[in-house]
Protein backbone atom coordinates (compact mmCIF):
# COMPACT_ATOMS: atom_id res chain seq x y z
CA MET A 1 102.66 22.18 227.32
CA ASP A 2 106.20 23.20 228.27
CA ARG A 3 108.56 21.09 230.30
CA ASN A 4 108.34 23.19 233.49
CA ARG A 5 104.58 22.82 233.58
CA VAL A 6 104.84 19.04 233.19
CA VAL A 7 107.31 18.89 236.08
CA ARG A 8 105.00 20.98 238.24
CA TRP A 9 102.09 18.66 237.52
CA LEU A 10 104.18 15.60 238.41
CA VAL A 11 105.31 17.14 241.69
CA PHE A 12 101.72 18.08 242.52
CA ALA A 13 100.49 14.55 241.77
CA ILE A 14 103.20 12.98 243.96
CA LEU A 15 102.38 15.39 246.79
CA LEU A 16 98.67 14.63 246.51
CA LEU A 17 99.31 10.89 246.60
CA SER A 18 101.61 11.19 249.59
CA LEU A 19 99.07 13.27 251.51
CA SER A 20 96.30 10.84 250.67
CA ALA A 21 98.44 7.89 251.73
CA GLY A 22 99.31 9.57 255.01
CA ALA A 23 95.71 10.43 255.81
CA PHE A 24 93.86 7.45 254.39
CA GLY A 25 96.49 4.74 254.05
CA GLU A 26 94.85 2.97 257.01
CA VAL A 27 91.24 3.20 255.90
CA PHE A 28 91.25 -0.14 254.10
CA VAL A 29 94.21 -1.81 255.77
CA SER A 30 93.18 -5.40 256.40
CA VAL A 31 94.93 -7.87 258.73
CA ARG A 32 94.20 -11.53 259.42
CA PHE A 33 94.41 -11.21 263.23
CA GLY A 34 93.19 -8.47 265.55
CA PRO A 35 95.26 -5.87 267.44
CA PRO A 36 96.30 -6.23 271.10
CA ALA A 37 94.12 -4.87 273.89
CA LEU A 38 94.27 -1.18 274.73
CA PRO A 39 96.95 -0.44 277.32
CA VAL A 40 96.14 1.07 280.72
CA TYR A 41 97.53 4.58 281.18
CA VAL A 42 96.70 7.99 282.64
CA GLN A 43 95.92 11.11 280.66
CA PRO A 44 98.52 13.91 280.68
CA VAL A 45 97.29 17.32 281.79
CA CYS A 46 95.66 19.49 279.11
CA PRO A 47 98.26 22.00 277.85
CA GLY A 48 95.78 24.87 277.34
CA PRO A 49 92.41 26.07 276.05
CA GLY A 50 91.26 24.79 272.66
CA TYR A 51 93.00 21.41 272.95
CA VAL A 52 90.88 18.27 272.40
CA TRP A 53 91.94 14.80 273.48
CA THR A 54 92.58 12.20 270.72
CA PRO A 55 92.91 8.71 272.22
CA GLY A 56 95.71 6.28 271.42
CA TYR A 57 95.17 3.31 269.09
CA TRP A 58 96.97 0.41 267.43
CA ALA A 59 98.08 1.06 263.84
CA TRP A 60 99.62 -1.34 261.33
CA SER A 61 102.93 -1.52 259.46
CA ASP A 62 103.60 -4.16 256.80
CA ASP A 63 107.19 -4.37 258.06
CA ASP A 64 106.68 -4.47 261.82
CA GLY A 65 103.03 -5.37 262.43
CA TYR A 66 100.95 -3.53 265.03
CA TYR A 67 102.44 -0.46 266.71
CA TRP A 68 100.95 1.94 269.27
CA VAL A 69 100.07 5.52 268.35
CA PRO A 70 100.04 7.36 271.71
CA GLY A 71 97.05 9.40 272.78
CA THR A 72 97.69 13.16 272.66
CA TRP A 73 96.15 16.62 272.99
CA VAL A 74 95.52 18.38 269.67
CA VAL A 75 94.49 21.96 268.90
CA ALA A 76 91.09 21.25 267.39
CA PRO A 77 89.42 23.02 264.47
CA VAL A 78 86.86 25.37 265.99
CA GLY A 79 83.47 23.71 266.36
CA LEU A 80 84.65 20.21 265.40
CA LEU A 81 84.98 17.01 267.44
CA TRP A 82 87.22 13.99 266.85
CA THR A 83 85.77 10.61 265.92
CA PRO A 84 88.50 8.00 266.65
CA GLY A 85 89.43 5.34 264.12
CA TYR A 86 88.73 1.68 264.91
CA TRP A 87 89.36 -1.89 263.76
CA GLY A 88 86.34 -3.86 262.55
CA TRP A 89 85.94 -7.51 261.56
CA ASP A 90 84.61 -8.14 258.05
CA GLY A 91 84.94 -11.05 255.64
CA GLY A 92 87.66 -12.89 257.56
CA VAL A 93 89.95 -9.89 258.15
CA TYR A 94 90.19 -6.87 260.46
CA ILE A 95 89.83 -3.59 258.58
CA PHE A 96 90.85 -0.21 259.98
CA HIS A 97 88.46 2.74 259.61
CA ALA A 98 90.29 6.05 259.92
CA GLY A 99 89.18 8.82 262.28
CA TYR A 100 87.94 12.24 261.23
CA TRP A 101 86.84 15.68 262.49
CA GLY A 102 83.18 16.68 262.31
CA PRO A 103 80.47 18.68 264.07
CA HIS A 104 79.28 15.51 265.82
CA VAL A 105 81.00 12.29 266.88
CA GLY A 106 80.16 9.34 264.68
CA PHE A 107 80.49 5.59 265.10
CA TYR A 108 83.88 4.30 266.27
CA GLY A 109 83.10 0.64 266.78
CA GLY A 110 81.83 0.89 270.36
CA ILE A 111 85.46 0.85 271.56
CA ASN A 112 86.01 2.27 275.07
CA TYR A 113 89.08 4.46 274.54
CA GLY A 114 88.55 6.26 277.85
CA PHE A 115 88.81 9.93 278.82
CA GLY A 116 85.36 10.77 277.47
CA TYR A 117 85.24 8.19 274.66
CA THR A 118 83.04 5.58 276.32
CA GLY A 119 82.23 3.73 273.10
CA VAL A 120 79.25 5.96 272.26
CA GLY A 121 79.74 9.66 271.50
CA PHE A 122 82.08 11.90 273.50
CA VAL A 123 81.44 13.22 277.02
CA GLY A 124 84.85 14.77 277.71
CA GLY A 125 83.84 18.26 276.60
CA GLU A 126 81.70 20.35 274.28
CA TRP A 127 81.82 23.49 272.15
CA ARG A 128 79.95 26.58 273.31
CA GLY A 129 80.29 29.02 270.47
CA ARG A 130 84.01 29.35 269.74
CA GLU A 131 85.08 28.18 273.20
CA PHE A 132 85.63 24.57 274.24
CA PHE A 133 84.47 23.55 277.73
CA TYR A 134 85.96 20.52 279.50
CA ASN A 135 84.20 17.95 281.65
CA ARG A 136 86.51 17.72 284.64
CA SER A 137 85.04 14.40 285.77
CA VAL A 138 86.77 12.53 282.89
CA THR A 139 89.55 14.87 281.65
CA ASN A 140 92.76 16.02 283.34
CA VAL A 141 92.32 19.79 283.23
CA THR A 142 94.00 22.44 285.41
CA ASN A 143 94.35 26.22 285.13
CA ILE A 144 91.47 26.39 282.62
CA THR A 145 88.28 28.22 283.49
CA ASN A 146 86.04 26.75 280.76
CA VAL A 147 85.08 23.64 282.72
CA TYR A 148 82.01 21.81 284.01
CA ASN A 149 81.33 18.55 285.86
CA LYS A 150 79.16 15.71 284.60
CA THR A 151 79.30 12.22 286.04
CA VAL A 152 80.14 9.49 283.52
CA ILE A 153 79.94 5.73 284.04
CA VAL A 154 83.32 4.31 283.01
CA ASN A 155 83.58 0.86 281.42
CA ASN A 156 86.86 -0.85 282.24
CA THR A 157 86.99 -3.11 279.17
CA HIS A 158 90.07 -2.74 276.96
CA VAL A 159 89.01 -4.58 273.80
CA SER A 160 90.43 -2.73 270.79
CA TYR A 161 88.30 -4.00 267.87
CA ASN A 162 84.70 -4.48 266.78
CA GLY A 163 83.31 -7.88 265.76
CA GLY A 164 85.12 -11.15 265.35
CA GLU A 165 86.16 -13.45 268.17
CA GLY A 166 86.31 -11.56 271.45
CA GLY A 167 85.46 -8.21 269.84
CA ILE A 168 82.90 -5.57 270.78
CA HIS A 169 79.55 -6.31 269.14
CA ALA A 170 78.22 -2.80 268.65
CA ARG A 171 76.25 -1.29 265.80
CA PRO A 172 75.93 2.39 264.87
CA ARG A 173 72.99 4.30 266.29
CA PRO A 174 70.80 6.55 264.08
CA GLU A 175 72.53 9.71 265.30
CA GLU A 176 75.91 8.16 264.55
CA LEU A 177 74.79 7.27 261.04
CA ARG A 178 73.68 10.87 260.52
CA ALA A 179 77.04 12.11 261.81
CA GLU A 180 78.90 9.97 259.28
CA HIS A 181 77.16 11.81 256.42
CA GLU A 182 78.03 15.27 257.69
CA ARG A 183 80.83 17.46 256.39
CA HIS A 184 84.14 16.03 257.64
CA GLN A 185 87.80 16.95 257.81
CA GLU A 186 90.67 14.47 257.70
CA ALA A 187 93.36 14.07 260.33
CA LEU A 188 95.41 17.22 260.87
CA PRO A 189 99.05 17.44 259.72
CA THR A 190 100.18 17.32 263.35
CA GLN A 191 98.25 14.05 263.79
CA ARG A 192 99.88 12.53 260.72
CA GLU A 193 103.30 13.61 261.97
CA HIS A 194 102.48 12.05 265.32
CA MET A 195 101.56 8.74 263.66
CA GLN A 196 104.73 8.72 261.53
CA ALA A 197 106.90 9.37 264.59
CA ALA A 198 105.23 6.46 266.39
CA MET A 199 105.82 4.13 263.45
CA ARG A 200 109.55 4.94 263.52
CA ASN A 201 109.86 4.24 267.25
CA PRO A 202 110.80 0.55 267.84
CA GLU A 203 109.57 0.67 271.48
CA LEU A 204 106.01 1.23 270.25
CA ARG A 205 105.85 -2.02 268.27
CA ALA A 206 103.62 -4.65 269.82
CA SER A 207 106.26 -7.29 269.10
CA VAL A 208 108.60 -5.35 271.41
CA ASN A 209 106.35 -3.93 274.16
CA HIS A 210 103.84 -6.85 274.23
CA GLY A 211 100.90 -4.51 274.64
CA ARG A 212 102.51 -2.20 277.24
CA PRO A 213 104.14 0.65 275.26
CA ALA A 214 106.82 2.85 276.78
CA VAL A 215 105.01 5.92 275.41
CA ALA A 216 101.30 5.49 276.01
CA ALA A 217 100.39 9.20 275.76
CA THR A 218 102.03 12.58 275.12
CA LEU A 219 101.31 16.18 276.05
CA ARG A 220 101.42 17.31 272.38
CA PRO A 221 101.70 15.49 269.03
CA ALA A 222 105.12 13.90 268.35
CA ASP A 223 106.46 15.25 271.69
CA PHE A 224 107.82 12.02 273.12
CA HIS A 225 109.82 13.90 275.76
CA SER A 226 106.55 14.45 277.64
CA ALA A 227 105.75 10.73 277.49
CA VAL A 228 103.42 8.94 279.84
CA ARG A 229 104.24 5.24 280.22
CA ALA A 230 101.56 2.57 280.18
CA LYS A 231 100.73 1.24 283.63
CA ALA A 232 99.86 -2.20 282.26
CA ALA A 233 98.76 -4.10 279.21
CA GLY A 234 95.00 -4.28 278.77
CA ALA A 235 95.13 -8.08 278.45
CA ALA A 236 97.61 -10.89 278.01
CA TYR A 237 99.64 -10.53 274.84
CA HIS A 238 99.67 -13.44 272.35
CA GLU A 239 102.51 -13.66 269.88
CA PRO A 240 101.14 -13.87 266.30
CA LYS A 241 101.73 -17.10 264.42
CA MET A 242 102.56 -15.41 261.13
CA SER A 243 104.81 -12.61 259.91
CA PRO A 244 103.38 -9.14 259.16
CA ARG A 245 103.67 -9.80 255.42
CA GLU A 246 101.77 -13.06 255.74
CA ALA A 247 99.14 -11.51 258.00
CA ARG A 248 98.46 -8.64 255.67
CA GLY A 249 95.16 -9.34 253.92
CA ALA A 250 95.06 -8.54 250.20
CA GLU A 251 92.84 -5.62 249.34
CA ARG A 252 89.75 -6.87 247.60
CA PRO A 253 87.35 -4.97 245.34
CA ALA A 254 84.64 -5.83 247.87
CA ASP A 255 86.57 -4.02 250.62
CA ARG A 256 85.96 -0.66 248.98
CA GLY A 257 82.24 -1.31 248.65
CA MET A 258 81.63 -3.20 251.88
CA ASN A 259 80.75 -0.08 253.83
CA ALA A 260 78.90 2.71 252.02
CA ARG A 261 79.16 4.93 255.08
CA GLU A 262 82.95 4.62 255.09
CA ASN A 263 83.15 5.48 251.39
CA SER A 264 80.99 8.57 251.88
CA ARG A 265 83.07 9.65 254.86
CA GLN A 266 86.31 9.18 252.94
CA ASN A 267 85.07 11.21 249.97
CA ASP A 268 83.88 14.04 252.22
CA SER A 269 87.24 14.16 253.98
CA ARG A 270 89.19 14.16 250.73
CA ASN A 271 87.11 17.02 249.36
CA ASN A 272 87.64 19.03 252.53
CA ALA A 273 91.37 18.32 252.43
CA ARG A 274 91.62 19.63 248.89
CA ASN A 275 89.68 22.74 249.86
CA ASN A 276 91.93 23.34 252.86
CA ARG A 277 95.17 22.87 250.93
CA GLY A 278 94.14 25.34 248.23
CA ASN A 279 95.03 24.99 244.57
CA ASP A 280 98.84 24.79 245.12
CA GLY A 281 99.49 27.21 242.29
CA PHE A 282 97.16 25.53 239.81
CA ARG A 283 93.92 26.89 238.50
CA PRO A 284 91.02 25.02 240.11
CA PHE A 285 88.72 23.06 237.86
CA SER A 286 85.12 24.20 237.64
CA PRO A 287 82.52 22.19 235.73
CA PRO A 288 80.91 23.99 232.79
CA SER A 289 77.57 25.62 233.51
CA LYS A 290 74.52 25.75 231.26
CA ASN A 291 75.41 29.32 230.27
CA ASP A 292 78.90 28.20 229.34
CA ARG A 293 77.48 25.42 227.17
CA GLY A 294 75.13 27.96 225.54
CA ARG A 295 78.02 30.32 224.82
CA ASP A 296 80.09 27.45 223.45
CA GLU A 297 77.24 26.36 221.15
CA ALA A 298 76.67 29.95 219.96
CA ALA A 299 80.39 30.37 219.33
CA SER A 300 80.44 27.07 217.43
CA ARG A 301 77.49 28.16 215.28
CA SER A 302 79.15 31.52 214.66
CA ASN A 303 82.39 29.83 213.63
CA ASN A 304 80.50 27.49 211.32
CA GLU A 305 78.62 30.40 209.76
CA ARG A 306 81.83 32.35 209.26
CA GLY A 307 83.43 29.28 207.73
CA ASN A 308 80.46 28.68 205.43
CA ASN A 309 80.31 32.34 204.43
CA GLY A 310 84.02 32.34 203.69
CA ARG A 311 83.73 29.23 201.56
CA MET A 312 80.76 30.70 199.69
CA ALA A 313 82.67 33.93 199.06
CA ASN A 314 85.65 31.98 197.76
CA ASP A 315 83.38 29.93 195.52
CA ARG A 316 81.82 33.09 194.11
CA MET A 317 85.24 34.61 193.44
CA ASN A 318 86.44 31.45 191.73
CA ASN A 319 83.28 31.31 189.61
CA ASN A 320 83.70 34.97 188.64
CA ARG A 321 87.31 34.34 187.63
CA MET A 322 86.31 31.34 185.54
CA ASN A 323 83.49 33.27 183.89
CA ASN A 324 85.79 36.20 183.14
CA GLN A 325 88.35 33.82 181.75
CA ARG A 326 85.75 32.18 179.52
CA ASN A 327 84.64 35.60 178.30
CA ASN A 328 88.24 36.58 177.55
CA ASP A 329 88.73 33.33 175.68
CA ARG A 330 85.62 33.95 173.61
CA MET A 331 86.77 37.50 172.86
CA ALA A 332 90.18 36.22 171.84
CA ASN A 333 88.61 33.60 169.59
CA ASP A 334 86.41 36.28 168.06
CA ARG A 335 89.44 38.48 167.36
CA MET A 336 91.27 35.56 165.77
CA ASN A 337 88.30 34.76 163.59
CA ASN A 338 88.02 38.38 162.56
CA GLU A 339 91.72 38.48 161.71
CA ARG A 340 91.41 35.35 159.61
CA ASN A 341 88.50 36.90 157.76
CA ASN A 342 90.48 40.10 157.15
CA ASP A 343 93.49 38.10 155.95
CA ARG A 344 91.39 36.27 153.43
CA GLY A 345 89.80 39.54 152.33
CA ASN A 346 93.02 41.59 152.03
CA GLY A 347 95.37 38.78 150.98
CA SER A 348 98.00 39.78 153.53
CA ARG A 349 99.18 38.36 156.88
CA PRO A 350 98.22 40.12 160.05
CA SER A 351 100.63 42.59 161.55
CA GLN A 352 103.09 41.13 164.03
CA SER A 353 102.81 44.15 166.29
CA ALA A 354 99.31 43.27 167.43
CA PRO A 355 99.57 40.48 170.03
CA ARG A 356 97.14 37.68 169.70
CA GLY A 357 94.89 36.43 172.48
CA ASN A 358 97.06 33.42 173.28
CA GLU A 359 100.20 35.60 173.43
CA MET A 360 98.50 37.97 175.86
CA ARG A 361 97.95 35.12 178.33
CA GLN A 362 101.36 33.46 178.26
CA SER A 363 102.04 34.42 181.88
CA ARG A 364 99.14 32.33 183.17
CA PRO A 365 97.73 29.29 181.36
CA ALA A 366 94.05 29.50 180.66
CA PRO A 367 91.83 27.00 182.42
CA GLN A 368 90.47 24.16 180.39
CA VAL A 369 87.18 25.22 178.97
CA ARG A 370 84.87 23.50 176.66
CA GLU A 371 85.33 24.93 173.16
CA ALA A 372 82.28 26.17 171.45
CA ALA A 373 81.28 24.75 168.14
CA PRO A 374 83.32 26.41 165.34
CA ARG A 375 81.55 29.10 163.45
CA HIS A 376 80.88 28.72 159.72
CA GLU A 377 82.98 31.25 157.88
CA SER A 378 81.28 33.03 155.05
CA ALA A 379 82.83 32.91 151.64
CA PRO A 380 84.95 35.93 150.73
CA PRO A 381 83.26 38.45 148.49
CA GLN A 382 83.67 37.93 144.74
CA ARG A 383 85.89 40.42 143.00
CA HIS A 384 84.87 41.74 139.59
CA GLU A 385 87.97 41.90 137.43
CA SER A 386 86.21 43.63 134.65
CA ALA A 387 85.74 46.85 136.54
CA PRO A 388 88.65 47.71 138.83
CA ARG A 389 87.75 50.94 140.48
CA GLY A 390 91.17 52.44 140.93
CA SER A 391 92.44 51.84 137.35
CA ASP A 392 89.43 53.53 135.74
CA LYS A 393 90.10 56.77 137.58
CA HIS A 394 93.76 56.73 136.66
CA ASN A 395 93.11 56.16 132.89
CA LYS A 396 90.68 59.03 132.72
C-alpha cells in the first residue's frame, strides 16, 4: 500500500469519526442533573413549502453545561417526519436520545415541545404524496396553499425530560415501538450546523440565560438574524451545585445496552448516513456470496492441482536425469573394464586420445550412486610360445 493511499484512508477515518460525533455525540451523553424547563416562545412563520418544524431542545457541553438549540424550519427529506430527541432518566443519570427522520414519528419521551409535537406523534402536518400539508391550527403558515385545519388540545407543561424527579412519566406506545424499528435517517447537515452554531453562542447557555434564551427559534437553521426571543422561562431556574465536568456522568458499558430500541435506531441511522454520503472515493465493501466462495474453492483446487502436477513433473524429470546418469556411469565403467581387459591382452597402455568416462564428465560432477559389485575379470588367454603364428610364415 503506497503512502498516498494510507493518507487517504486516514483522512476518511477522521471524517467518518467527526460526522459520527456530530450526529450521535449526544446519543449517550449522561448528566447527573436534568435540563431546565422548555422556554415559552412563538413559532416563526414557515419560510415556504416543504419545510418541517423541528422544535428547540436543551443540549449539553462538557465545558459550559446545558445550552439551548433553537427551534427552526428545515427542508425535510420527502416523505419523512422528524422525531425529536429527548432526555431520559436511567440508572441515576439523564441520558440524551438523539432525534431522527423516519416515515413515522417514534417515541420522544412524552415531552410537549409544542407546535404539533404534543408528546405523542406529530399533528402539525402530514405528507400527501410528495407534497407536505400543514395544519394551520398549530403551525404558523402563510402564503402556502397546502394547508388544512384540525383542532389539537395543547398541553401547557414545559417539562423537558422523561423520568426522574419531576419528569414526564410516559412509555412508548406499540406504534411508536414499531416506528423505532423502521428505516431512519440521521440529522441533516444543516441541523448539525445549527447545533454547532448554538453551542458557540454564549447567550444560549443556561448558566447565562437562566432558561430564557435570547434566541428561542429561527426562521432557518443557523440564521440567528431571524431570531425569535423567548417570552419567558418555562419554570424557575435552579443553579446547579456542581461544575459541568463534575456533572458529566461517565459512560458505562450498561449505557450502550440499556435500551435495545435506541441501539437499533442508531445502527439504522448510521447505515443510512453511509449510504447517503457515498463511498467517498473508496470501493465499497461487499460480503462474499456463495458463488464467490465456490469460485474461490475451485480456484484453490485448481492451483493445488497445478502445483501438484508441476511437482510431479519435476520429480519425473529429476528421476530421469538420475537414471540417465546411472546408465552413463555404468557405460563408462563398462568401457573402463573393457580397456583394462584389452590392455592386459595387448600389453600396451590405452591411447591417450580416447577420453575416459570420468574425463568426459569433468564439467559436471556425477551424483553419488551406489557402486555395483565389481565384476570378476577372466584370466587372460594363455599364449603358446611353441607355435608363434607370424614367425612360421616368415621362415617359410
